[in-house]
Amino acid sequence: MLACRNAEAHLGGQLEALAAQECDLPWELVVSDNGSTDRSLAIVREYRDRLPRLVVVDSSARRGPAAARNDGVRAAGGSLIVFCDTDDVVGPGWLAGVRHRVPAP
């Protein structure tokens, strides 16, 4: 789950890292946009082909990262949710590593 608002400066790096994840389990990326006025949504759309299970949520009704995360969680289809930030760049094994630390549902 990735909450964002006006994250144009860093978002591409994080999406690139997420698209390159080495994880053999199916997973989705929920991007919850909290009212961006920059190119954030356009950047997210550029990754639709590389992140086929990409879900974009409009979380602009209530501002703030907590509201954006809550809206994103409600839109998620999985039973295990992990969070990352737009100004981070996860490593290639990040998602698989998180999964191996959590008991199977």
PDB file of N, CA and C in Angstrom:
ATOM      1  N   MET A   1       0.855  -1.155   0.000  1.00  0.00           N
ATOM      2  CA  MET A   1       0.000   0.000   0.000  1.00  0.00           C
ATOM      3  C   MET A   1       0.902   1.217   0.000  1.00  0.00           C
ATOM      4  N   LEU A   2       0.626   2.114  -0.918  1.00  0.00           N
ATOM      5  CA  LEU A   2       1.442   3.303  -1.098  1.00  0.00           C
ATOM      6  C   LEU A   2       0.523   4.521  -1.105  1.00  0.00           C
ATOM      7  N   ALA A   3       0.577   5.303  -0.042  1.00  0.00           N
ATOM      8  CA  ALA A   3      -0.183   6.550   0.015  1.00  0.00           C
ATOM      9  C   ALA A   3       0.675   7.647  -0.586  1.00  0.00           C
ATOM     10  N   CYS A   4       0.056   8.537  -1.363  1.00  0.00           N
ATOM     11  CA  CYS A   4       0.859   9.614  -1.941  1.00  0.00           C
ATOM     12  C   CYS A   4       0.057  10.897  -2.052  1.00  0.00           C
ATOM     13  N   ARG A   5       0.788  11.980  -2.012  1.00  0.00           N
ATOM     14  CA  ARG A   5       0.242  13.316  -2.287  1.00  0.00           C
ATOM     15  C   ARG A   5       1.397  14.170  -2.767  1.00  0.00           C
ATOM     16  N   ASN A   6       1.299  14.616  -4.005  1.00  0.00           N
ATOM     17  CA  ASN A   6       2.335  15.456  -4.607  1.00  0.00           C
ATOM     18  C   ASN A   6       3.721  14.846  -4.430  1.00  0.00           C
ATOM     19  N   ALA A   7       3.847  13.616  -4.880  1.00  0.00           N
ATOM     20  CA  ALA A   7       5.086  12.844  -4.703  1.00  0.00           C
ATOM     21  C   ALA A   7       5.888  12.735  -5.988  1.00  0.00           C
ATOM     22  N   GLU A   8       5.645  13.609  -6.928  1.00  0.00           N
ATOM     23  CA  GLU A   8       6.277  13.548  -8.242  1.00  0.00           C
ATOM     24  C   GLU A   8       7.800  13.397  -8.173  1.00  0.00           C
ATOM     25  N   ALA A   9       8.429  14.048  -7.243  1.00  0.00           N
ATOM     26  CA  ALA A   9       9.894  14.053  -7.185  1.00  0.00           C
ATOM     27  C   ALA A   9      10.489  12.676  -6.896  1.00  0.00           C
ATOM     28  N   HIS A  10       9.781  11.828  -6.159  1.00  0.00           N
ATOM     29  CA  HIS A  10      10.355  10.551  -5.731  1.00  0.00           C
ATOM     30  C   HIS A  10       9.566   9.323  -6.175  1.00  0.00           C
ATOM     31  N   LEU A  11       8.345   9.508  -6.579  1.00  0.00           N
ATOM     32  CA  LEU A  11       7.434   8.397  -6.851  1.00  0.00           C
ATOM     33  C   LEU A  11       7.959   7.428  -7.898  1.00  0.00           C
ATOM     34  N   GLY A  12       8.551   7.923  -8.960  1.00  0.00           N
ATOM     35  CA  GLY A  12       9.046   7.053 -10.027  1.00  0.00           C
ATOM     36  C   GLY A  12      10.079   6.066  -9.535  1.00  0.00           C
ATOM     37  N   GLY A  13      10.972   6.489  -8.657  1.00  0.00           N
ATOM     38  CA  GLY A  13      11.982   5.579  -8.115  1.00  0.00           C
ATOM     39  C   GLY A  13      11.365   4.449  -7.319  1.00  0.00           C
ATOM     40  N   GLN A  14      10.365   4.758  -6.512  1.00  0.00           N
ATOM     41  CA  GLN A  14       9.707   3.715  -5.713  1.00  0.00           C
ATOM     42  C   GLN A  14       8.898   2.788  -6.607  1.00  0.00           C
ATOM     43  N   LEU A  15       8.183   3.315  -7.579  1.00  0.00           N
ATOM     44  CA  LEU A  15       7.414   2.454  -8.482  1.00  0.00           C
ATOM     45  C   LEU A  15       8.336   1.559  -9.297  1.00  0.00           C
ATOM     46  N   GLU A  16       9.467   2.087  -9.703  1.00  0.00           N
ATOM     47  CA  GLU A  16      10.459   1.280 -10.434  1.00  0.00           C
ATOM     48  C   GLU A  16      10.924   0.116  -9.559  1.00  0.00           C
ATOM     49  N   ALA A  17      11.209   0.405  -8.303  1.00  0.00           N
ATOM     50  CA  ALA A  17      11.657  -0.641  -7.371  1.00  0.00           C
ATOM     51  C   ALA A  17      10.561  -1.664  -7.115  1.00  0.00           C
ATOM     52  N   LEU A  18       9.334  -1.221  -7.004  1.00  0.00           N
ATOM     53  CA  LEU A  18       8.231  -2.158  -6.789  1.00  0.00           C
ATOM     54  C   LEU A  18       7.992  -3.021  -8.022  1.00  0.00           C
ATOM     55  N   ALA A  19       8.130  -2.454  -9.198  1.00  0.00           N
ATOM     56  CA  ALA A  19       7.957  -3.218 -10.433  1.00  0.00           C
ATOM     57  C   ALA A  19       9.038  -4.278 -10.594  1.00  0.00           C
ATOM     58  N   ALA A  20      10.178  -4.087  -9.955  1.00  0.00           N
ATOM     59  CA  ALA A  20      11.297  -5.022 -10.070  1.00  0.00           C
ATOM     60  C   ALA A  20      11.340  -6.033  -8.924  1.00  0.00           C
ATOM     61  N   GLN A  21      10.294  -6.140  -8.146  1.00  0.00           N
ATOM     62  CA  GLN A  21      10.297  -7.053  -7.009  1.00  0.00           C
ATOM     63  C   GLN A  21      10.505  -8.505  -7.437  1.00  0.00           C
ATOM     64  N   GLU A  22      11.303  -9.207  -6.686  1.00  0.00           N
ATOM     65  CA  GLU A  22      11.549 -10.632  -6.898  1.00  0.00           C
ATOM     66  C   GLU A  22      10.691 -11.388  -5.900  1.00  0.00           C
ATOM     67  N   CYS A  23       9.447 -11.592  -6.265  1.00  0.00           N
ATOM     68  CA  CYS A  23       8.486 -12.260  -5.378  1.00  0.00           C
ATOM     69  C   CYS A  23       7.645 -13.200  -6.224  1.00  0.00           C
ATOM     70  N   ASP A  24       7.630 -14.481  -5.848  1.00  0.00           N
ATOM     71  CA  ASP A  24       6.908 -15.459  -6.652  1.00  0.00           C
ATOM     72  C   ASP A  24       5.437 -15.590  -6.260  1.00  0.00           C
ATOM     73  N   LEU A  25       4.985 -14.805  -5.307  1.00  0.00           N
ATOM     74  CA  LEU A  25       3.579 -14.829  -4.910  1.00  0.00           C
ATOM     75  C   LEU A  25       2.823 -13.707  -5.620  1.00  0.00           C
ATOM     76  N   PRO A  26       1.545 -13.920  -5.916  1.00  0.00           N
ATOM     77  CA  PRO A  26       0.776 -12.826  -6.514  1.00  0.00           C
ATOM     78  C   PRO A  26       0.596 -11.698  -5.500  1.00  0.00           C
ATOM     79  N   TRP A  27       0.672 -10.470  -5.979  1.00  0.00           N
ATOM     80  CA  TRP A  27       0.496  -9.322  -5.091  1.00  0.00           C
ATOM     81  C   TRP A  27      -0.051  -8.155  -5.891  1.00  0.00           C
ATOM     82  N   GLU A  28      -0.680  -7.239  -5.203  1.00  0.00           N
ATOM     83  CA  GLU A  28      -1.206  -6.044  -5.847  1.00  0.00           C
ATOM     84  C   GLU A  28      -0.581  -4.815  -5.191  1.00  0.00           C
ATOM     85  N   LEU A  29      -0.549  -3.744  -5.936  1.00  0.00           N
ATOM     86  CA  LEU A  29      -0.102  -2.472  -5.397  1.00  0.00           C
ATOM     87  C   LEU A  29      -1.292  -1.526  -5.397  1.00  0.00           C
ATOM     88  N   VAL A  30      -1.655  -1.063  -4.213  1.00  0.00           N
ATOM     89  CA  VAL A  30      -2.708  -0.066  -4.075  1.00  0.00           C
ATOM     90  C   VAL A  30      -2.029   1.282  -3.857  1.00  0.00           C
ATOM     91  N   VAL A  31      -2.276   2.212  -4.762  1.00  0.00           N
ATOM     92  CA  VAL A  31      -1.780   3.582  -4.616  1.00  0.00           C
ATOM     93  C   VAL A  31      -2.975   4.439  -4.240  1.00  0.00           C
ATOM     94  N   SER A  32      -2.904   5.034  -3.070  1.00  0.00           N
ATOM     95  CA  SER A  32      -3.980   5.876  -2.578  1.00  0.00           C
ATOM     96  C   SER A  32      -3.552   7.331  -2.710  1.00  0.00           C
ATOM     97  N   ASP A  33      -4.146   8.015  -3.693  1.00  0.00           N
ATOM     98  CA  ASP A  33      -3.760   9.394  -3.974  1.00  0.00           C
ATOM     99  C   ASP A  33      -4.594  10.353  -3.139  1.00  0.00           C
ATOM    100  N   ASN A  34      -3.909  11.156  -2.347  1.00  0.00           N
ATOM    101  CA  ASN A  34      -4.544  12.030  -1.372  1.00  0.00           C
ATOM    102  C   ASN A  34      -4.704  13.461  -1.893  1.00  0.00           C
ATOM    103  N   GLY A  35      -5.054  13.583  -3.167  1.00  0.00           N
ATOM    104  CA  GLY A  35      -5.327  14.893  -3.744  1.00  0.00           C
ATOM    105  C   GLY A  35      -4.139  15.551  -4.415  1.00  0.00           C
ATOM    106  N   SER A  36      -3.317  14.765  -5.058  1.00  0.00           N
ATOM    107  CA  SER A  36      -2.133  15.320  -5.726  1.00  0.00           C
ATOM    108  C   SER A  36      -2.523  16.342  -6.785  1.00  0.00           C
ATOM    109  N   THR A  37      -1.729  17.407  -6.859  1.00  0.00           N
ATOM    110  CA  THR A  37      -1.928  18.427  -7.888  1.00  0.00           C
ATOM    111  C   THR A  37      -0.741  18.479  -8.844  1.00  0.00           C
ATOM    112  N   ASP A  38       0.222  17.606  -8.647  1.00  0.00           N
ATOM    113  CA  ASP A  38       1.380  17.528  -9.541  1.00  0.00           C
ATOM    114  C   ASP A  38       1.185  16.354 -10.500  1.00  0.00           C
ATOM    115  N   ARG A  39       2.236  15.782 -11.021  1.00  0.00           N
ATOM    116  CA  ARG A  39       2.156  14.687 -11.992  1.00  0.00           C
ATOM    117  C   ARG A  39       2.095  13.297 -11.346  1.00  0.00           C
ATOM    118  N   SER A  40       1.836  13.216 -10.064  1.00  0.00           N
ATOM    119  CA  SER A  40       1.859  11.915  -9.379  1.00  0.00           C
ATOM    120  C   SER A  40       0.975  10.877 -10.062  1.00  0.00           C
ATOM    121  N   LEU A  41      -0.271  11.202 -10.342  1.00  0.00           N
ATOM    122  CA  LEU A  41      -1.173  10.225 -10.968  1.00  0.00           C
ATOM    123  C   LEU A  41      -0.711   9.835 -12.367  1.00  0.00           C
ATOM    124  N   ALA A  42      -0.183  10.764 -13.110  1.00  0.00           N
ATOM    125  CA  ALA A  42       0.336  10.443 -14.451  1.00  0.00           C
ATOM    126  C   ALA A  42       1.510   9.484 -14.339  1.00  0.00           C
ATOM    127  N   ILE A  43       2.358   9.681 -13.360  1.00  0.00           N
ATOM    128  CA  ILE A  43       3.501   8.784 -13.148  1.00  0.00           C
ATOM    129  C   ILE A  43       3.011   7.395 -12.782  1.00  0.00           C
ATOM    130  N   VAL A  44       2.028   7.298 -11.906  1.00  0.00           N
ATOM    131  CA  VAL A  44       1.465   5.997 -11.531  1.00  0.00           C
ATOM    132  C   VAL A  44       0.909   5.294 -12.767  1.00  0.00           C
ATOM    133  N   ARG A  45       0.189   5.999 -13.598  1.00  0.00           N
ATOM    134  CA  ARG A  45      -0.412   5.395 -14.804  1.00  0.00           C
ATOM    135  C   ARG A  45       0.651   4.851 -15.752  1.00  0.00           C
ATOM    136  N   GLU A  46       1.829   5.433 -15.754  1.00  0.00           N
ATOM    137  CA  GLU A  46       2.918   4.957 -16.612  1.00  0.00           C
ATOM    138  C   GLU A  46       3.374   3.547 -16.224  1.00  0.00           C
ATOM    139  N   TYR A  47       3.027   3.086 -15.050  1.00  0.00           N
ATOM    140  CA  TYR A  47       3.451   1.774 -14.569  1.00  0.00           C
ATOM    141  C   TYR A  47       2.366   0.708 -14.682  1.00  0.00           C
ATOM    142  N   ARG A  48       1.239   1.016 -15.278  1.00  0.00           N
ATOM    143  CA  ARG A  48       0.149   0.030 -15.380  1.00  0.00           C
ATOM    144  C   ARG A  48       0.586  -1.262 -16.065  1.00  0.00           C
ATOM    145  N   ASP A  49       1.416  -1.174 -17.091  1.00  0.00           N
ATOM    146  CA  ASP A  49       1.870  -2.380 -17.788  1.00  0.00           C
ATOM    147  C   ASP A  49       2.861  -3.184 -16.947  1.00  0.00           C
ATOM    148  N   ARG A  50       3.660  -2.523 -16.144  1.00  0.00           N
ATOM    149  CA  ARG A  50       4.677  -3.206 -15.346  1.00  0.00           C
ATOM    150  C   ARG A  50       4.156  -3.655 -13.989  1.00  0.00           C
ATOM    151  N   LEU A  51       3.046  -3.088 -13.566  1.00  0.00           N
ATOM    152  CA  LEU A  51       2.390  -3.470 -12.313  1.00  0.00           C
ATOM    153  C   LEU A  51       0.943  -3.820 -12.643  1.00  0.00           C
ATOM    154  N   PRO A  52       0.723  -5.016 -13.202  1.00  0.00           N
ATOM    155  CA  PRO A  52      -0.617  -5.360 -13.716  1.00  0.00           C
ATOM    156  C   PRO A  52      -1.702  -5.417 -12.652  1.00  0.00           C
ATOM    157  N   ARG A  53      -1.334  -5.595 -11.405  1.00  0.00           N
ATOM    158  CA  ARG A  53      -2.340  -5.623 -10.329  1.00  0.00           C
ATOM    159  C   ARG A  53      -2.301  -4.302  -9.568  1.00  0.00           C
ATOM    160  N   LEU A  54      -2.274  -3.223 -10.321  1.00  0.00           N
ATOM    161  CA  LEU A  54      -2.223  -1.877  -9.765  1.00  0.00           C
ATOM    162  C   LEU A  54      -3.637  -1.360  -9.552  1.00  0.00           C
ATOM    163  N   VAL A  55      -3.906  -0.894  -8.349  1.00  0.00           N
ATOM    164  CA  VAL A  55      -5.198  -0.309  -7.997  1.00  0.00           C
ATOM    165  C   VAL A  55      -4.934   1.130  -7.567  1.00  0.00           C
ATOM    166  N   VAL A  56      -5.646   2.076  -8.164  1.00  0.00           N
ATOM    167  CA  VAL A  56      -5.499   3.482  -7.800  1.00  0.00           C
ATOM    168  C   VAL A  56      -6.773   3.925  -7.099  1.00  0.00           C
ATOM    169  N   VAL A  57      -6.600   4.528  -5.931  1.00  0.00           N
ATOM    170  CA  VAL A  57      -7.715   4.957  -5.102  1.00  0.00           C
ATOM    171  C   VAL A  57      -7.672   6.478  -4.961  1.00  0.00           C
ATOM    172  N   ASP A  58      -8.807   7.113  -5.123  1.00  0.00           N
ATOM    173  CA  ASP A  58      -8.912   8.548  -4.885  1.00  0.00           C
ATOM    174  C   ASP A  58      -9.237   8.749  -3.404  1.00  0.00           C
ATOM    175  N   SER A  59      -8.252   9.209  -2.654  1.00  0.00           N
ATOM    176  CA  SER A  59      -8.451   9.430  -1.224  1.00  0.00           C
ATOM    177  C   SER A  59      -8.383  10.920  -0.895  1.00  0.00           C
ATOM    178  N   SER A  60      -8.873  11.744  -1.813  1.00  0.00           N
ATOM    179  CA  SER A  60      -8.780  13.189  -1.635  1.00  0.00           C
ATOM    180  C   SER A  60      -9.881  13.775  -0.752  1.00  0.00           C
ATOM    181  N   ALA A  61     -10.877  12.992  -0.390  1.00  0.00           N
ATOM    182  CA  ALA A  61     -11.982  13.522   0.415  1.00  0.00           C
ATOM    183  C   ALA A  61     -11.517  13.980   1.799  1.00  0.00           C
ATOM    184  N   ARG A  62     -10.562  13.262   2.369  1.00  0.00           N
ATOM    185  CA  ARG A  62      -9.994  13.644   3.676  1.00  0.00           C
ATOM    186  C   ARG A  62      -8.489  13.666   3.531  1.00  0.00           C
ATOM    187  N   ARG A  63      -7.875  14.753   3.907  1.00  0.00           N
ATOM    188  CA  ARG A  63      -6.431  14.907   3.740  1.00  0.00           C
ATOM    189  C   ARG A  63      -5.669  14.289   4.894  1.00  0.00           C
ATOM    190  N   GLY A  64      -4.462  13.844   4.564  1.00  0.00           N
ATOM    191  CA  GLY A  64      -3.538  13.315   5.552  1.00  0.00           C
ATOM    192  C   GLY A  64      -3.166  11.884   5.246  1.00  0.00           C
ATOM    193  N   PRO A  65      -1.960  11.496   5.647  1.00  0.00           N
ATOM    194  CA  PRO A  65      -1.497  10.136   5.354  1.00  0.00           C
ATOM    195  C   PRO A  65      -2.350   9.046   5.995  1.00  0.00           C
ATOM    196  N   ALA A  66      -2.868   9.283   7.184  1.00  0.00           N
ATOM    197  CA  ALA A  66      -3.698   8.251   7.831  1.00  0.00           C
ATOM    198  C   ALA A  66      -4.966   8.002   7.031  1.00  0.00           C
ATOM    199  N   ALA A  67      -5.619   9.064   6.582  1.00  0.00           N
ATOM    200  CA  ALA A  67      -6.838   8.905   5.787  1.00  0.00           C
ATOM    201  C   ALA A  67      -6.529   8.193   4.473  1.00  0.00           C
ATOM    202  N   ALA A  68      -5.422   8.564   3.835  1.00  0.00           N
ATOM    203  CA  ALA A  68      -5.037   7.926   2.567  1.00  0.00           C
ATOM    204  C   ALA A  68      -4.753   6.440   2.788  1.00  0.00           C
ATOM    205  N   ARG A  69      -4.053   6.113   3.859  1.00  0.00           N
ATOM    206  CA  ARG A  69      -3.765   4.695   4.137  1.00  0.00           C
ATOM    207  C   ARG A  69      -5.045   3.922   4.432  1.00  0.00           C
ATOM    208  N   ASN A  70      -5.934   4.510   5.209  1.00  0.00           N
ATOM    209  CA  ASN A  70      -7.197   3.829   5.519  1.00  0.00           C
ATOM    210  C   ASN A  70      -8.002   3.560   4.255  1.00  0.00           C
ATOM    211  N   ASP A  71      -8.085   4.528   3.358  1.00  0.00           N
ATOM    212  CA  ASP A  71      -8.796   4.318   2.093  1.00  0.00           C
ATOM    213  C   ASP A  71      -8.118   3.236   1.259  1.00  0.00           C
ATOM    214  N   GLY A  72      -6.793   3.229   1.254  1.00  0.00           N
ATOM    215  CA  GLY A  72      -6.053   2.218   0.513  1.00  0.00           C
ATOM    216  C   GLY A  72      -6.277   0.819   1.059  1.00  0.00           C
ATOM    217  N   VAL A  73      -6.282   0.696   2.374  1.00  0.00           N
ATOM    218  CA  VAL A  73      -6.518  -0.607   3.002  1.00  0.00           C
ATOM    219  C   VAL A  73      -7.911  -1.114   2.649  1.00  0.00           C
ATOM    220  N   ARG A  74      -8.889  -0.232   2.672  1.00  0.00           N
ATOM    221  CA  ARG A  74     -10.263  -0.650   2.318  1.00  0.00           C
ATOM    222  C   ARG A  74     -10.352  -1.150   0.878  1.00  0.00           C
ATOM    223  N   ALA A  75      -9.514  -0.626  -0.001  1.00  0.00           N
ATOM    224  CA  ALA A  75      -9.540  -1.026  -1.410  1.00  0.00           C
ATOM    225  C   ALA A  75      -8.713  -2.274  -1.696  1.00  0.00           C
ATOM    226  N   ALA A  76      -7.886  -2.662  -0.754  1.00  0.00           N
ATOM    227  CA  ALA A  76      -6.987  -3.802  -0.966  1.00  0.00           C
ATOM    228  C   ALA A  76      -7.762  -5.115  -1.025  1.00  0.00           C
ATOM    229  N   GLY A  77      -7.295  -5.990  -1.899  1.00  0.00           N
ATOM    230  CA  GLY A  77      -7.954  -7.277  -2.052  1.00  0.00           C
ATOM    231  C   GLY A  77      -7.289  -8.409  -1.285  1.00  0.00           C
ATOM    232  N   GLY A  78      -6.127  -8.164  -0.728  1.00  0.00           N
ATOM    233  CA  GLY A  78      -5.391  -9.211  -0.046  1.00  0.00           C
ATOM    234  C   GLY A  78      -5.662  -9.264   1.444  1.00  0.00           C
ATOM    235  N   SER A  79      -5.184 -10.330   2.068  1.00  0.00           N
ATOM    236  CA  SER A  79      -5.349 -10.485   3.517  1.00  0.00           C
ATOM    237  C   SER A  79      -4.112 -10.011   4.282  1.00  0.00           C
ATOM    238  N   LEU A  80      -3.036  -9.775   3.584  1.00  0.00           N
ATOM    239  CA  LEU A  80      -1.799  -9.268   4.192  1.00  0.00           C
ATOM    240  C   LEU A  80      -1.462  -7.948   3.509  1.00  0.00           C
ATOM    241  N   ILE A  81      -1.305  -6.907   4.295  1.00  0.00           N
ATOM    242  CA  ILE A  81      -1.036  -5.579   3.732  1.00  0.00           C
ATOM    243  C   ILE A  81       0.270  -5.062   4.300  1.00  0.00           C
ATOM    244  N   VAL A  82       1.130  -4.597   3.412  1.00  0.00           N
ATOM    245  CA  VAL A  82       2.384  -3.966   3.818  1.00  0.00           C
ATOM    246  C   VAL A  82       2.395  -2.547   3.257  1.00  0.00           C
ATOM    247  N   PHE A  83       3.072  -1.676   3.962  1.00  0.00           N
ATOM    248  CA  PHE A  83       3.107  -0.268   3.597  1.00  0.00           C
ATOM    249  C   PHE A  83       4.515   0.137   3.201  1.00  0.00           C
ATOM    250  N   CYS A  84       4.599   1.024   2.234  1.00  0.00           N
ATOM    251  CA  CYS A  84       5.862   1.666   1.895  1.00  0.00           C
ATOM    252  C   CYS A  84       5.542   3.122   1.573  1.00  0.00           C
ATOM    253  N   ASP A  85       6.581   3.927   1.529  1.00  0.00           N
ATOM    254  CA  ASP A  85       6.398   5.353   1.291  1.00  0.00           C
ATOM    255  C   ASP A  85       6.930   5.745  -0.076  1.00  0.00           C
ATOM    256  N   THR A  86       6.449   6.859  -0.582  1.00  0.00           N
ATOM    257  CA  THR A  86       6.837   7.309  -1.909  1.00  0.00           C
ATOM    258  C   THR A  86       8.280   7.768  -1.982  1.00  0.00           C
ATOM    259  N   ASP A  87       8.845   8.205  -0.875  1.00  0.00           N
ATOM    260  CA  ASP A  87      10.221   8.709  -0.906  1.00  0.00           C
ATOM    261  C   ASP A  87      11.243   7.654  -0.506  1.00  0.00           C
ATOM    262  N   ASP A  88      10.830   6.402  -0.459  1.00  0.00           N
ATOM    263  CA  ASP A  88      11.734   5.279  -0.223  1.00  0.00           C
ATOM    264  C   ASP A  88      11.976   4.563  -1.545  1.00  0.00           C
ATOM    265  N   VAL A  89      12.955   3.684  -1.556  1.00  0.00           N
ATOM    266  CA  VAL A  89      13.187   2.785  -2.681  1.00  0.00           C
ATOM    267  C   VAL A  89      13.448   1.416  -2.075  1.00  0.00           C
ATOM    268  N   VAL A  90      12.472   0.517  -2.201  1.00  0.00           N
ATOM    269  CA  VAL A  90      12.604  -0.808  -1.606  1.00  0.00           C
ATOM    270  C   VAL A  90      13.600  -1.644  -2.398  1.00  0.00           C
ATOM    271  N   GLY A  91      14.251  -2.570  -1.723  1.00  0.00           N
ATOM    272  CA  GLY A  91      15.177  -3.479  -2.380  1.00  0.00           C
ATOM    273  C   GLY A  91      14.433  -4.547  -3.154  1.00  0.00           C
ATOM    274  N   PRO A  92      15.129  -5.262  -4.063  1.00  0.00           N
ATOM    275  CA  PRO A  92      14.466  -6.243  -4.930  1.00  0.00           C
ATOM    276  C   PRO A  92      13.800  -7.392  -4.180  1.00  0.00           C
ATOM    277  N   GLY A  93      14.267  -7.733  -2.999  1.00  0.00           N
ATOM    278  CA  GLY A  93      13.669  -8.827  -2.243  1.00  0.00           C
ATOM    279  C   GLY A  93      12.809  -8.362  -1.087  1.00  0.00           C
ATOM    280  N   TRP A  94      12.467  -7.086  -1.059  1.00  0.00           N
ATOM    281  CA  TRP A  94      11.721  -6.512   0.066  1.00  0.00           C
ATOM    282  C   TRP A  94      10.395  -7.224   0.295  1.00  0.00           C
ATOM    283  N   LEU A  95       9.594  -7.354  -0.736  1.00  0.00           N
ATOM    284  CA  LEU A  95       8.268  -7.945  -0.584  1.00  0.00           C
ATOM    285  C   LEU A  95       8.352  -9.415  -0.168  1.00  0.00           C
ATOM    286  N   ALA A  96       9.232 -10.162  -0.788  1.00  0.00           N
ATOM    287  CA  ALA A  96       9.400 -11.575  -0.409  1.00  0.00           C
ATOM    288  C   ALA A  96       9.902 -11.680   1.024  1.00  0.00           C
ATOM    289  N   GLY A  97      10.790 -10.779   1.418  1.00  0.00           N
ATOM    290  CA  GLY A  97      11.323 -10.804   2.778  1.00  0.00           C
ATOM    291  C   GLY A  97      10.249 -10.509   3.813  1.00  0.00           C
ATOM    292  N   VAL A  98       9.380  -9.564   3.518  1.00  0.00           N
ATOM    293  CA  VAL A  98       8.282  -9.261   4.433  1.00  0.00           C
ATOM    294  C   VAL A  98       7.368 -10.470   4.539  1.00  0.00           C
ATOM    295  N   ARG A  99       7.062 -11.079   3.439  1.00  0.00           N
ATOM    296  CA  ARG A  99       6.150 -12.238   3.438  1.00  0.00           C
ATOM    297  C   ARG A  99       6.682 -13.395   4.256  1.00  0.00           C
ATOM    298  N   HIS A 100       7.983 -13.615   4.224  1.00  0.00           N
ATOM    299  CA  HIS A 100       8.565 -14.738   4.954  1.00  0.00           C
ATOM    300  C   HIS A 100       8.654 -14.478   6.450  1.00  0.00           C
ATOM    301  N   ARG A 101       8.413 -13.264   6.882  1.00  0.00           N
ATOM    302  CA  ARG A 101       8.439 -12.939   8.302  1.00  0.00           C
ATOM    303  C   ARG A 101       7.056 -12.983   8.945  1.00  0.00           C
ATOM    304  N   VAL A 102       6.017 -13.172   8.133  1.00  0.00           N
ATOM    305  CA  VAL A 102       4.652 -13.165   8.618  1.00  0.00           C
ATOM    306  C   VAL A 102       4.071 -14.562   8.450  1.00  0.00           C
ATOM    307  N   PRO A 103       3.413 -15.078   9.499  1.00  0.00           N
ATOM    308  CA  PRO A 103       2.796 -16.400   9.364  1.00  0.00           C
ATOM    309  C   PRO A 103       1.740 -16.421   8.252  1.00  0.00           C
ATOM    310  N   ALA A 104       1.652 -17.527   7.573  1.00  0.00           N
ATOM    311  CA  ALA A 104       0.653 -17.677   6.497  1.00  0.00           C
ATOM    312  C   ALA A 104      -0.751 -17.565   7.080  1.00  0.00           C
ATOM    313  N   PRO A 105      -1.674 -16.916   6.333  1.00  0.00           N
ATOM    314  CA  PRO A 105      -3.066 -16.777   6.831  1.00  0.00           C
ATOM    315  C   PRO A 105      -3.787 -18.094   6.871  1.00  0.00           C
TER     316      PRO A 105
END
